[in-house]
């Protein structure tokens, strides 16, 4: 029996198994087995294939990267042209964009890379319509902008499903669980919180499915079976999303309210063609990328408050050095900081010091 047949057999067994407290353990094992088989199937497909993505390799640039994902002909290219200085081809027919088109959006001192991706179709995550190559770009983005047509709002769950199928976990954080393989001792599970979704025995049995027989497992949150499988596979991408409802200039407010009630998700109503509500979209993109502004102050000089250095929230002095010049950290003696991250102005700090929004920073090198 081949891998596809094994997968189909397990899927049929899952479908006919009634979900209840007594079957949770069995269903968990089945989900682990099917995930393992799908991983093996994917590895077999990719074996011997070129790593080149033929027009879909895009070097990240700027302070953050946003990938626009949507069905064909929803206005992605028009939006890119409005937000940036790009000239992405626009047409009233499907599949106008055949490669990834990048552009830079300048906003509040940040240079944000916007990627216009070719439209995806159903089962894109399984390879239809070059979907895998397209969604692989979204995996590496800092934010995914889901763009839907005002006349096709029902595709929103489909877009999220395709992201999930590509190993992207939209709007999720990596589970706080650690699995450390050991040489002996079997599987030892320690939970630091009360767990209700999974038992110690199920954790051990799922690890055994993946031939992990000796390990230390530390659970710091109440994880599900699927989250445990994600941790074991280790190839998941956790990316935030925004949803833009395009072409709202063609409908009335009552129709938009109906869509809001049906979708039960937050979206930003826009019209890329009419340049409607794009300032709100820009602000939301900026906020979701979670930037902070760092003002650099030369020794003996004044802080440059005109062109701040844009960093991700939680960045350290070391991160700033790496962004300015990757060799700078080797020459760093110390830094001085003025702002909310220190107890007093001009406090001396080291490489590991975490900076906050609008901190002023002076770097002292050898």
Foldseek 3Di string as FASTA:
>chain_A
DDLVVVLVVLVVVLVPDDDDPVCLLVNLLSVLLNVVSVVVVVCVVCPPPDPDLVQADDDDDWAFEEEEAAAFQLCLQLLQVLQFVDDQDDDNDGQSDPHWDWGWGADPLTTYIYIYFHYDDQPLLVPPPNSLSRLVSVLPGQEYEYEAELVPLVCVVRRCVSNVSNQEDEPDDQFPKDKAADDDDFEAEAEPDDEDQDDPVSLRSSCVSVVRGGIYMYHDDHDHSVSSSSVVVVPHGYHYYAYEHEPCVVDDPVSVVVSCVVVVDDHHYAYSVVRGCVVVVVVVVVVSQQKAWEWEAEVPGDTDPPNTDIHHAFAFQLNVQCVVPVCQLVFFDWKFKADDQDPHHRDTGHRNRTDGHHIYMYTDGD
